[in-house]
Amino acid sequence: MEQSPAKAADVFRRIGFFSDEFPFSIHREFDRPGDFNESRRFRREFWKIVCVVDGRGEYLVGEERHPLGPGSIFLVHPDDPTTFRIDSEALEIYNILFMPELLRDGLSELRDDFDFFSIMRRNRRLRESNLYIAESDGEIRRLVRTLEREFDDMPPNYRSRIRLLLLELLILLARKAGAQIRHRGPDAVREYVDHLIEHYFREEFKLDTVARKIHMDKSRLCRLYRAGSGKTVMEALRQRRLREAAGLLASTARPVSEICFGCGFNDLSYFYRAFAAEYGVNPGDFRRNSMPSAPREWPHV
């Protein structure tokens, strides 16, 4: 039986590209059509950013084909089997290879940039592809050239600067990701908002702030979310907060007021009304109904 591209892929080992001490490299490549075979794909033990300088063709990722040209930039998960199909005389690219631990806590700052960070979490339920595609601009191209110069020349403190430059590059890609969500329909907007609700339901949640993140006006955001989910953003937020409160009522002895405010509500009476509307009982009765029955005591003999 013929293997699928995902199963037939070879694996590039990190040891052949950088040391454990500083898991980063960048190099420019000039490839020709005969250098690649569509039936042979490659995975890696590291992340890769591909920046296309010149040339045209396709980037093959598993069963998917993505057109590429000057300015295309790809961030590819290690597990995705990839190769190129080159249509031009040659393809000039930068390959930026790194391990996430190079940035340590820096990546955590990207946690609310859903479209970008979903790749780093490797969650195929949220994305059909773990390939992030964007068009580079002058700022991104300058960053890439500076990374190359720092890596090649190794001036004093070059490793620290490379870390900062790489994090800056990823932040710019994350911003582009947020801007692209608005073009991808109700499902993408729903997934993005659900991601923010899941991570920030305990905090103040402002629709204006969410809309600005994806360069969309608030009314359109609400309309697209409702089209994708069948409910409003605030209904989804309230249900998530109530679900958390119900879990805490059933599993802890924390006071109801503490649970109310800890789950993002700022009005205790509203919390009681919303909880009763959702679960049919008030929080106190819900807790009593959820408590396990006391063990039966044997009669004294």
C-alpha atoms as a PDB file:
ATOM      1  CA  MET A   1       0.000   0.000   0.000  1.00  0.00           C
ATOM      2  CA  GLU A   2       1.295   3.455  -0.904  1.00  0.00           C
ATOM      3  CA  GLN A   3       2.113   5.593   2.112  1.00  0.00           C
ATOM      4  CA  SER A   4       0.604   9.013   2.544  1.00  0.00           C
ATOM      5  CA  PRO A   5       3.005  11.991   2.554  1.00  0.00           C
ATOM      6  CA  ALA A   6       2.514  12.363   6.297  1.00  0.00           C
ATOM      7  CA  LYS A   7       3.661   8.778   6.916  1.00  0.00           C
ATOM      8  CA  ALA A   8       6.469   8.728   4.361  1.00  0.00           C
ATOM      9  CA  ALA A   9       8.279  11.824   5.654  1.00  0.00           C
ATOM     10  CA  ASP A  10      11.928  11.789   6.655  1.00  0.00           C
ATOM     11  CA  VAL A  11      12.943  13.602   9.838  1.00  0.00           C
ATOM     12  CA  PHE A  12      15.625  16.270  10.170  1.00  0.00           C
ATOM     13  CA  ARG A  13      17.278  15.940  13.592  1.00  0.00           C
ATOM     14  CA  ARG A  14      18.076  19.032  15.591  1.00  0.00           C
ATOM     15  CA  ILE A  15      21.617  17.862  16.234  1.00  0.00           C
ATOM     16  CA  GLY A  16      22.468  18.474  12.589  1.00  0.00           C
ATOM     17  CA  PHE A  17      21.419  22.120  12.665  1.00  0.00           C
ATOM     18  CA  PHE A  18      22.282  23.661  16.043  1.00  0.00           C
ATOM     19  CA  SER A  19      23.540  22.928  19.523  1.00  0.00           C
ATOM     20  CA  ASP A  20      21.404  22.365  22.606  1.00  0.00           C
ATOM     21  CA  GLU A  21      23.082  25.394  24.149  1.00  0.00           C
ATOM     22  CA  PHE A  22      21.754  27.766  21.475  1.00  0.00           C
ATOM     23  CA  PRO A  23      19.041  26.090  19.359  1.00  0.00           C
ATOM     24  CA  PHE A  24      18.857  28.595  16.511  1.00  0.00           C
ATOM     25  CA  SER A  25      20.135  28.946  12.980  1.00  0.00           C
ATOM     26  CA  ILE A  26      19.371  31.009   9.901  1.00  0.00           C
ATOM     27  CA  HIS A  27      20.691  30.509   6.396  1.00  0.00           C
ATOM     28  CA  ARG A  28      19.837  31.539   2.865  1.00  0.00           C
ATOM     29  CA  GLU A  29      19.218  28.853   0.272  1.00  0.00           C
ATOM     30  CA  PHE A  30      19.059  28.888  -3.536  1.00  0.00           C
ATOM     31  CA  ASP A  31      17.083  25.903  -4.810  1.00  0.00           C
ATOM     32  CA  ARG A  32      16.131  24.697  -8.279  1.00  0.00           C
ATOM     33  CA  PRO A  33      13.156  22.594  -9.445  1.00  0.00           C
ATOM     34  CA  GLY A  34      15.168  19.374  -9.513  1.00  0.00           C
ATOM     35  CA  ASP A  35      16.187  19.728  -5.869  1.00  0.00           C
ATOM     36  CA  PHE A  36      12.783  18.555  -4.601  1.00  0.00           C
ATOM     37  CA  ASN A  37      10.591  15.514  -5.122  1.00  0.00           C
ATOM     38  CA  GLU A  38       6.902  15.837  -4.283  1.00  0.00           C
ATOM     39  CA  SER A  39       6.777  12.247  -3.042  1.00  0.00           C
ATOM     40  CA  ARG A  40       9.475  12.905  -0.437  1.00  0.00           C
ATOM     41  CA  ARG A  41       8.463  15.058   2.515  1.00  0.00           C
ATOM     42  CA  PHE A  42      10.429  16.189   5.545  1.00  0.00           C
ATOM     43  CA  ARG A  43       9.510  16.685   9.181  1.00  0.00           C
ATOM     44  CA  ARG A  44      11.794  18.244  11.749  1.00  0.00           C
ATOM     45  CA  GLU A  45      12.614  18.202  15.438  1.00  0.00           C
ATOM     46  CA  PHE A  46      12.407  22.000  15.479  1.00  0.00           C
ATOM     47  CA  TRP A  47      10.276  24.901  14.268  1.00  0.00           C
ATOM     48  CA  LYS A  48      10.963  26.514  10.916  1.00  0.00           C
ATOM     49  CA  ILE A  49      10.153  29.907   9.444  1.00  0.00           C
ATOM     50  CA  VAL A  50      10.510  30.064   5.671  1.00  0.00           C
ATOM     51  CA  CYS A  51      10.827  33.531   4.116  1.00  0.00           C
ATOM     52  CA  VAL A  52      10.662  33.624   0.320  1.00  0.00           C
ATOM     53  CA  VAL A  53      13.000  36.197  -1.228  1.00  0.00           C
ATOM     54  CA  ASP A  54      12.509  35.315  -4.893  1.00  0.00           C
ATOM     55  CA  GLY A  55      10.909  32.623  -7.018  1.00  0.00           C
ATOM     56  CA  ARG A  56       7.474  31.076  -7.356  1.00  0.00           C
ATOM     57  CA  GLY A  57       5.824  27.715  -6.827  1.00  0.00           C
ATOM     58  CA  GLU A  58       3.993  25.876  -4.077  1.00  0.00           C
ATOM     59  CA  TYR A  59       4.756  24.839  -0.521  1.00  0.00           C
ATOM     60  CA  LEU A  60       3.390  21.339   0.054  1.00  0.00           C
ATOM     61  CA  VAL A  61       2.317  20.535   3.615  1.00  0.00           C
ATOM     62  CA  GLY A  62       0.843  17.072   3.990  1.00  0.00           C
ATOM     63  CA  GLU A  63      -2.007  16.960   1.508  1.00  0.00           C
ATOM     64  CA  GLU A  64      -2.245  20.755   1.227  1.00  0.00           C
ATOM     65  CA  ARG A  65      -0.694  23.019  -1.408  1.00  0.00           C
ATOM     66  CA  HIS A  66       0.026  26.685  -0.711  1.00  0.00           C
ATOM     67  CA  PRO A  67       1.151  29.100  -3.444  1.00  0.00           C
ATOM     68  CA  LEU A  68       4.338  30.981  -2.693  1.00  0.00           C
ATOM     69  CA  GLY A  69       6.096  33.988  -4.174  1.00  0.00           C
ATOM     70  CA  PRO A  70       8.381  36.850  -3.173  1.00  0.00           C
ATOM     71  CA  GLY A  71       7.381  38.025   0.294  1.00  0.00           C
ATOM     72  CA  SER A  72       5.618  34.817   1.376  1.00  0.00           C
ATOM     73  CA  ILE A  73       6.440  33.731   4.903  1.00  0.00           C
ATOM     74  CA  PHE A  74       5.541  30.396   6.494  1.00  0.00           C
ATOM     75  CA  LEU A  75       5.752  29.163  10.076  1.00  0.00           C
ATOM     76  CA  VAL A  76       5.663  25.380  10.083  1.00  0.00           C
ATOM     77  CA  HIS A  77       5.088  22.938  12.940  1.00  0.00           C
ATOM     78  CA  PRO A  78       7.782  20.255  13.351  1.00  0.00           C
ATOM     79  CA  ASP A  79       5.290  17.434  12.739  1.00  0.00           C
ATOM     80  CA  ASP A  80       4.055  18.717   9.383  1.00  0.00           C
ATOM     81  CA  PRO A  81       5.631  16.896   6.379  1.00  0.00           C
ATOM     82  CA  THR A  82       6.715  19.516   3.836  1.00  0.00           C
ATOM     83  CA  THR A  83       8.438  20.034   0.516  1.00  0.00           C
ATOM     84  CA  PHE A  84       8.490  22.530  -2.364  1.00  0.00           C
ATOM     85  CA  ARG A  85       7.350  22.553  -5.966  1.00  0.00           C
ATOM     86  CA  ILE A  86       9.326  25.237  -7.800  1.00  0.00           C
ATOM     87  CA  ASP A  87       7.860  26.847 -10.933  1.00  0.00           C
ATOM     88  CA  SER A  88      10.562  29.477 -11.495  1.00  0.00           C
ATOM     89  CA  GLU A  89      14.160  28.992 -12.537  1.00  0.00           C
ATOM     90  CA  ALA A  90      15.224  29.119  -8.907  1.00  0.00           C
ATOM     91  CA  LEU A  91      13.825  29.679  -5.421  1.00  0.00           C
ATOM     92  CA  GLU A  92      15.658  31.919  -2.965  1.00  0.00           C
ATOM     93  CA  ILE A  93      14.560  31.537   0.658  1.00  0.00           C
ATOM     94  CA  TYR A  94      15.642  32.134   4.230  1.00  0.00           C
ATOM     95  CA  ASN A  95      15.283  29.185   6.591  1.00  0.00           C
ATOM     96  CA  ILE A  96      15.023  30.224  10.240  1.00  0.00           C
ATOM     97  CA  LEU A  97      15.223  27.208  12.556  1.00  0.00           C
ATOM     98  CA  PHE A  98      14.642  27.323  16.310  1.00  0.00           C
ATOM     99  CA  MET A  99      13.382  25.533  19.379  1.00  0.00           C
ATOM    100  CA  PRO A 100      10.700  27.246  21.531  1.00  0.00           C
ATOM    101  CA  GLU A 101      12.839  26.915  24.652  1.00  0.00           C
ATOM    102  CA  LEU A 102      15.192  29.483  23.123  1.00  0.00           C
ATOM    103  CA  LEU A 103      12.606  32.119  24.029  1.00  0.00           C
ATOM    104  CA  ARG A 104      11.598  30.651  27.380  1.00  0.00           C
ATOM    105  CA  ASP A 105       8.860  32.867  28.828  1.00  0.00           C
ATOM    106  CA  GLY A 106       8.621  35.101  25.791  1.00  0.00           C
ATOM    107  CA  LEU A 107       6.146  32.914  23.952  1.00  0.00           C
ATOM    108  CA  SER A 108       3.719  33.041  26.850  1.00  0.00           C
ATOM    109  CA  GLU A 109       3.128  36.684  25.958  1.00  0.00           C
ATOM    110  CA  LEU A 110       1.545  35.471  22.696  1.00  0.00           C
ATOM    111  CA  ARG A 111      -1.035  33.314  24.434  1.00  0.00           C
ATOM    112  CA  ASP A 112      -4.012  35.478  23.454  1.00  0.00           C
ATOM    113  CA  ASP A 113      -3.074  35.661  19.769  1.00  0.00           C
ATOM    114  CA  PHE A 114      -5.277  32.736  18.866  1.00  0.00           C
ATOM    115  CA  ASP A 115      -4.498  32.196  15.198  1.00  0.00           C
ATOM    116  CA  PHE A 116      -0.747  32.206  15.750  1.00  0.00           C
ATOM    117  CA  PHE A 117      -0.609  30.513  19.116  1.00  0.00           C
ATOM    118  CA  SER A 118      -2.926  27.687  18.090  1.00  0.00           C
ATOM    119  CA  ILE A 119      -0.052  26.462  15.929  1.00  0.00           C
ATOM    120  CA  MET A 120       2.292  26.406  18.896  1.00  0.00           C
ATOM    121  CA  ARG A 121      -0.286  24.383  20.864  1.00  0.00           C
ATOM    122  CA  ARG A 122      -0.714  21.914  18.000  1.00  0.00           C
ATOM    123  CA  ASN A 123      -4.513  21.809  18.159  1.00  0.00           C
ATOM    124  CA  ARG A 124      -5.969  20.507  14.918  1.00  0.00           C
ATOM    125  CA  ARG A 125      -9.498  20.892  16.257  1.00  0.00           C
ATOM    126  CA  LEU A 126      -9.009  24.629  16.018  1.00  0.00           C
ATOM    127  CA  ARG A 127      -7.195  24.733  12.685  1.00  0.00           C
ATOM    128  CA  GLU A 128      -7.267  22.516   9.640  1.00  0.00           C
ATOM    129  CA  SER A 129      -3.620  23.317   9.049  1.00  0.00           C
ATOM    130  CA  ASN A 130      -0.787  24.069  11.421  1.00  0.00           C
ATOM    131  CA  LEU A 131       0.917  26.141   8.747  1.00  0.00           C
ATOM    132  CA  TYR A 132       0.784  29.866   9.319  1.00  0.00           C
ATOM    133  CA  ILE A 133       1.021  31.905   6.122  1.00  0.00           C
ATOM    134  CA  ALA A 134       1.511  35.641   5.781  1.00  0.00           C
ATOM    135  CA  GLU A 135       2.975  38.229   3.471  1.00  0.00           C
ATOM    136  CA  SER A 136       6.111  39.847   4.826  1.00  0.00           C
ATOM    137  CA  ASP A 137       6.498  43.600   4.825  1.00  0.00           C
ATOM    138  CA  GLY A 138       9.532  45.869   5.017  1.00  0.00           C
ATOM    139  CA  GLU A 139       9.747  45.590   8.794  1.00  0.00           C
ATOM    140  CA  ILE A 140       9.728  41.787   8.705  1.00  0.00           C
ATOM    141  CA  ARG A 141      12.305  41.669   5.916  1.00  0.00           C
ATOM    142  CA  ARG A 142      14.621  43.977   7.854  1.00  0.00           C
ATOM    143  CA  LEU A 143      14.282  41.750  10.916  1.00  0.00           C
ATOM    144  CA  VAL A 144      15.211  38.664   8.915  1.00  0.00           C
ATOM    145  CA  ARG A 145      18.285  40.331   7.407  1.00  0.00           C
ATOM    146  CA  THR A 146      19.365  41.535  10.852  1.00  0.00           C
ATOM    147  CA  LEU A 147      18.954  38.025  12.256  1.00  0.00           C
ATOM    148  CA  GLU A 148      21.164  36.698   9.464  1.00  0.00           C
ATOM    149  CA  ARG A 149      23.829  39.337  10.106  1.00  0.00           C
ATOM    150  CA  GLU A 150      23.878  38.739  13.871  1.00  0.00           C
ATOM    151  CA  PHE A 151      24.110  34.982  13.383  1.00  0.00           C
ATOM    152  CA  ASP A 152      26.874  35.168  10.769  1.00  0.00           C
ATOM    153  CA  ASP A 153      29.028  37.902  12.336  1.00  0.00           C
ATOM    154  CA  MET A 154      28.541  36.889  15.993  1.00  0.00           C
ATOM    155  CA  PRO A 155      29.188  40.345  17.515  1.00  0.00           C
ATOM    156  CA  PRO A 156      29.255  40.722  21.309  1.00  0.00           C
ATOM    157  CA  ASN A 157      25.980  39.594  22.933  1.00  0.00           C
ATOM    158  CA  TYR A 158      24.670  38.350  19.592  1.00  0.00           C
ATOM    159  CA  ARG A 159      22.741  35.491  21.204  1.00  0.00           C
ATOM    160  CA  SER A 160      20.738  37.853  23.408  1.00  0.00           C
ATOM    161  CA  ARG A 161      19.927  40.046  20.430  1.00  0.00           C
ATOM    162  CA  ILE A 162      18.885  37.061  18.310  1.00  0.00           C
ATOM    163  CA  ARG A 163      16.423  36.015  21.020  1.00  0.00           C
ATOM    164  CA  LEU A 164      14.927  39.492  21.054  1.00  0.00           C
ATOM    165  CA  LEU A 165      14.774  39.724  17.260  1.00  0.00           C
ATOM    166  CA  LEU A 166      13.180  36.298  16.921  1.00  0.00           C
ATOM    167  CA  LEU A 167      10.552  37.148  19.537  1.00  0.00           C
ATOM    168  CA  GLU A 168       9.856  40.411  17.728  1.00  0.00           C
ATOM    169  CA  LEU A 169       9.440  38.516  14.453  1.00  0.00           C
ATOM    170  CA  LEU A 170       6.957  36.119  16.049  1.00  0.00           C
ATOM    171  CA  ILE A 171       5.031  39.023  17.579  1.00  0.00           C
ATOM    172  CA  LEU A 172       4.711  40.664  14.160  1.00  0.00           C
ATOM    173  CA  LEU A 173       3.456  37.396  12.695  1.00  0.00           C
ATOM    174  CA  ALA A 174       0.976  37.122  15.562  1.00  0.00           C
ATOM    175  CA  ARG A 175      -0.360  40.587  14.790  1.00  0.00           C
ATOM    176  CA  LYS A 176      -0.807  39.648  11.150  1.00  0.00           C
ATOM    177  CA  ALA A 177      -2.673  36.539  12.289  1.00  0.00           C
ATOM    178  CA  GLY A 178      -5.146  38.610  14.270  1.00  0.00           C
ATOM    179  CA  ALA A 179      -5.739  40.902  11.311  1.00  0.00           C
ATOM    180  CA  GLN A 180      -6.452  37.930   9.043  1.00  0.00           C
ATOM    181  CA  ILE A 181      -9.172  36.370  11.230  1.00  0.00           C
ATOM    182  CA  ARG A 182     -11.753  38.911  10.069  1.00  0.00           C
ATOM    183  CA  HIS A 183     -11.459  37.630   6.490  1.00  0.00           C
ATOM    184  CA  ARG A 184     -12.141  33.999   7.363  1.00  0.00           C
ATOM    185  CA  GLY A 185     -15.829  34.001   8.224  1.00  0.00           C
ATOM    186  CA  PRO A 186     -18.044  33.254  11.239  1.00  0.00           C
ATOM    187  CA  ASP A 187     -16.306  30.024  12.278  1.00  0.00           C
ATOM    188  CA  ALA A 188     -12.907  31.706  12.591  1.00  0.00           C
ATOM    189  CA  VAL A 189     -14.382  34.599  14.580  1.00  0.00           C
ATOM    190  CA  ARG A 190     -16.249  32.162  16.846  1.00  0.00           C
ATOM    191  CA  GLU A 191     -13.110  30.103  17.493  1.00  0.00           C
ATOM    192  CA  TYR A 192     -11.093  33.220  18.282  1.00  0.00           C
ATOM    193  CA  VAL A 193     -13.675  34.641  20.685  1.00  0.00           C
ATOM    194  CA  ASP A 194     -14.162  31.240  22.340  1.00  0.00           C
ATOM    195  CA  HIS A 195     -10.398  31.056  22.822  1.00  0.00           C
ATOM    196  CA  LEU A 196     -10.393  34.442  24.573  1.00  0.00           C
ATOM    197  CA  ILE A 197     -13.400  33.529  26.704  1.00  0.00           C
ATOM    198  CA  GLU A 198     -11.743  30.306  27.825  1.00  0.00           C
ATOM    199  CA  HIS A 199      -8.569  32.101  28.883  1.00  0.00           C
ATOM    200  CA  TYR A 200     -10.003  35.338  30.264  1.00  0.00           C
ATOM    201  CA  PHE A 201     -13.557  34.677  31.500  1.00  0.00           C
ATOM    202  CA  ARG A 202     -12.521  35.530  35.071  1.00  0.00           C
ATOM    203  CA  GLU A 203     -11.428  39.008  33.991  1.00  0.00           C
ATOM    204  CA  GLU A 204     -13.251  42.077  32.699  1.00  0.00           C
ATOM    205  CA  PHE A 205     -14.212  41.229  29.127  1.00  0.00           C
ATOM    206  CA  LYS A 206     -14.675  44.178  26.779  1.00  0.00           C
ATOM    207  CA  LEU A 207     -16.088  43.636  23.307  1.00  0.00           C
ATOM    208  CA  ASP A 208     -14.380  46.796  22.045  1.00  0.00           C
ATOM    209  CA  THR A 209     -10.990  45.365  22.995  1.00  0.00           C
ATOM    210  CA  VAL A 210     -11.718  42.015  21.355  1.00  0.00           C
ATOM    211  CA  ALA A 211     -12.890  43.720  18.158  1.00  0.00           C
ATOM    212  CA  ARG A 212      -9.742  45.871  17.986  1.00  0.00           C
ATOM    213  CA  LYS A 213      -7.544  42.776  18.193  1.00  0.00           C
ATOM    214  CA  ILE A 214      -8.901  41.522  14.887  1.00  0.00           C
ATOM    215  CA  HIS A 215      -9.370  44.950  13.275  1.00  0.00           C
ATOM    216  CA  MET A 216     -13.160  44.695  13.190  1.00  0.00           C
ATOM    217  CA  ASP A 217     -15.958  46.903  14.466  1.00  0.00           C
ATOM    218  CA  LYS A 218     -17.854  45.581  17.472  1.00  0.00           C
ATOM    219  CA  SER A 219     -21.209  45.179  15.748  1.00  0.00           C
ATOM    220  CA  ARG A 220     -19.729  43.051  12.959  1.00  0.00           C
ATOM    221  CA  LEU A 221     -17.838  40.945  15.502  1.00  0.00           C
ATOM    222  CA  CYS A 222     -21.069  40.261  17.412  1.00  0.00           C
ATOM    223  CA  ARG A 223     -22.972  39.489  14.219  1.00  0.00           C
ATOM    224  CA  LEU A 224     -20.356  37.025  12.941  1.00  0.00           C
ATOM    225  CA  TYR A 225     -20.027  35.348  16.341  1.00  0.00           C
ATOM    226  CA  ARG A 226     -23.768  34.809  16.555  1.00  0.00           C
ATOM    227  CA  ALA A 227     -23.809  33.437  13.000  1.00  0.00           C
ATOM    228  CA  GLY A 228     -21.074  30.954  13.925  1.00  0.00           C
ATOM    229  CA  SER A 229     -22.340  29.924  17.363  1.00  0.00           C
ATOM    230  CA  GLY A 230     -26.066  30.656  17.553  1.00  0.00           C
ATOM    231  CA  LYS A 231     -25.576  32.800  20.665  1.00  0.00           C
ATOM    232  CA  THR A 232     -24.222  36.211  21.558  1.00  0.00           C
ATOM    233  CA  VAL A 233     -20.698  36.769  22.863  1.00  0.00           C
ATOM    234  CA  MET A 234     -22.032  37.800  26.266  1.00  0.00           C
ATOM    235  CA  GLU A 235     -24.264  34.726  26.463  1.00  0.00           C
ATOM    236  CA  ALA A 236     -21.251  32.509  25.792  1.00  0.00           C
ATOM    237  CA  LEU A 237     -19.204  34.404  28.372  1.00  0.00           C
ATOM    238  CA  ARG A 238     -21.960  34.116  30.990  1.00  0.00           C
ATOM    239  CA  GLN A 239     -22.353  30.377  30.359  1.00  0.00           C
ATOM    240  CA  ARG A 240     -18.603  29.826  30.731  1.00  0.00           C
ATOM    241  CA  ARG A 241     -18.539  31.739  34.011  1.00  0.00           C
ATOM    242  CA  LEU A 242     -21.577  29.849  35.311  1.00  0.00           C
ATOM    243  CA  ARG A 243     -20.067  26.518  34.322  1.00  0.00           C
ATOM    244  CA  GLU A 244     -16.938  27.355  36.311  1.00  0.00           C
ATOM    245  CA  ALA A 245     -19.053  28.461  39.271  1.00  0.00           C
ATOM    246  CA  ALA A 246     -21.074  25.249  39.172  1.00  0.00           C
ATOM    247  CA  GLY A 247     -17.906  23.186  39.225  1.00  0.00           C
ATOM    248  CA  LEU A 248     -16.582  25.085  42.229  1.00  0.00           C
ATOM    249  CA  LEU A 249     -19.875  24.853  44.102  1.00  0.00           C
ATOM    250  CA  ALA A 250     -19.939  21.096  43.601  1.00  0.00           C
ATOM    251  CA  SER A 251     -16.307  20.491  44.530  1.00  0.00           C
ATOM    252  CA  THR A 252     -15.308  23.100  47.124  1.00  0.00           C
ATOM    253  CA  ALA A 253     -16.621  24.727  50.290  1.00  0.00           C
ATOM    254  CA  ARG A 254     -15.701  28.238  49.143  1.00  0.00           C
ATOM    255  CA  PRO A 255     -18.332  30.878  49.969  1.00  0.00           C
ATOM    256  CA  VAL A 256     -20.808  31.620  47.202  1.00  0.00           C
ATOM    257  CA  SER A 257     -19.783  35.277  47.098  1.00  0.00           C
ATOM    258  CA  GLU A 258     -16.126  34.335  46.636  1.00  0.00           C
ATOM    259  CA  ILE A 259     -17.031  31.988  43.798  1.00  0.00           C
ATOM    260  CA  CYS A 260     -19.217  34.651  42.211  1.00  0.00           C
ATOM    261  CA  PHE A 261     -16.494  37.296  42.036  1.00  0.00           C
ATOM    262  CA  GLY A 262     -13.747  34.790  41.283  1.00  0.00           C
ATOM    263  CA  CYS A 263     -15.592  33.636  38.157  1.00  0.00           C
ATOM    264  CA  GLY A 264     -15.858  37.112  36.679  1.00  0.00           C
ATOM    265  CA  PHE A 265     -19.211  38.333  37.989  1.00  0.00           C
ATOM    266  CA  ASN A 266     -19.303  41.709  39.730  1.00  0.00           C
ATOM    267  CA  ASP A 267     -22.854  41.619  41.124  1.00  0.00           C
ATOM    268  CA  LEU A 268     -23.924  38.916  43.575  1.00  0.00           C
ATOM    269  CA  SER A 269     -27.662  39.327  43.024  1.00  0.00           C
ATOM    270  CA  TYR A 270     -27.201  39.112  39.246  1.00  0.00           C
ATOM    271  CA  PHE A 271     -25.100  35.973  39.749  1.00  0.00           C
ATOM    272  CA  TYR A 272     -27.944  34.347  41.727  1.00  0.00           C
ATOM    273  CA  ARG A 273     -30.488  35.204  39.020  1.00  0.00           C
ATOM    274  CA  ALA A 274     -28.265  34.038  36.173  1.00  0.00           C
ATOM    275  CA  PHE A 275     -27.358  30.813  37.974  1.00  0.00           C
ATOM    276  CA  ALA A 276     -30.993  29.976  38.696  1.00  0.00           C
ATOM    277  CA  ALA A 277     -31.949  30.697  35.077  1.00  0.00           C
ATOM    278  CA  GLU A 278     -29.180  28.384  33.810  1.00  0.00           C
ATOM    279  CA  TYR A 279     -29.482  25.497  36.291  1.00  0.00           C
ATOM    280  CA  GLY A 280     -33.027  25.789  37.658  1.00  0.00           C
ATOM    281  CA  VAL A 281     -31.895  26.177  41.270  1.00  0.00           C
ATOM    282  CA  ASN A 282     -30.026  28.808  43.253  1.00  0.00           C
ATOM    283  CA  PRO A 283     -26.302  28.290  44.012  1.00  0.00           C
ATOM    284  CA  GLY A 284     -26.928  27.086  47.588  1.00  0.00           C
ATOM    285  CA  ASP A 285     -29.427  24.409  46.531  1.00  0.00           C
ATOM    286  CA  PHE A 286     -27.155  23.395  43.672  1.00  0.00           C
ATOM    287  CA  ARG A 287     -24.322  22.836  46.135  1.00  0.00           C
ATOM    288  CA  ARG A 288     -26.527  20.807  48.503  1.00  0.00           C
ATOM    289  CA  ASN A 289     -27.830  18.671  45.631  1.00  0.00           C
ATOM    290  CA  SER A 290     -24.268  18.093  44.397  1.00  0.00           C
ATOM    291  CA  MET A 291     -22.844  17.028  47.757  1.00  0.00           C
ATOM    292  CA  PRO A 292     -22.361  13.266  48.123  1.00  0.00           C
ATOM    293  CA  SER A 293     -24.699  11.599  50.554  1.00  0.00           C
ATOM    294  CA  ALA A 294     -23.326  11.149  54.056  1.00  0.00           C
ATOM    295  CA  PRO A 295     -22.323   7.545  54.772  1.00  0.00           C
ATOM    296  CA  ARG A 296     -24.906   5.565  56.679  1.00  0.00           C
ATOM    297  CA  GLU A 297     -24.017   4.948  60.312  1.00  0.00           C
ATOM    298  CA  TRP A 298     -24.387   1.410  61.613  1.00  0.00           C
ATOM    299  CA  PRO A 299     -26.634   1.137  64.654  1.00  0.00           C
ATOM    300  CA  HIS A 300     -24.952   0.488  67.966  1.00  0.00           C
ATOM    301  CA  VAL A 301     -25.287  -3.058  69.186  1.00  0.00           C
END
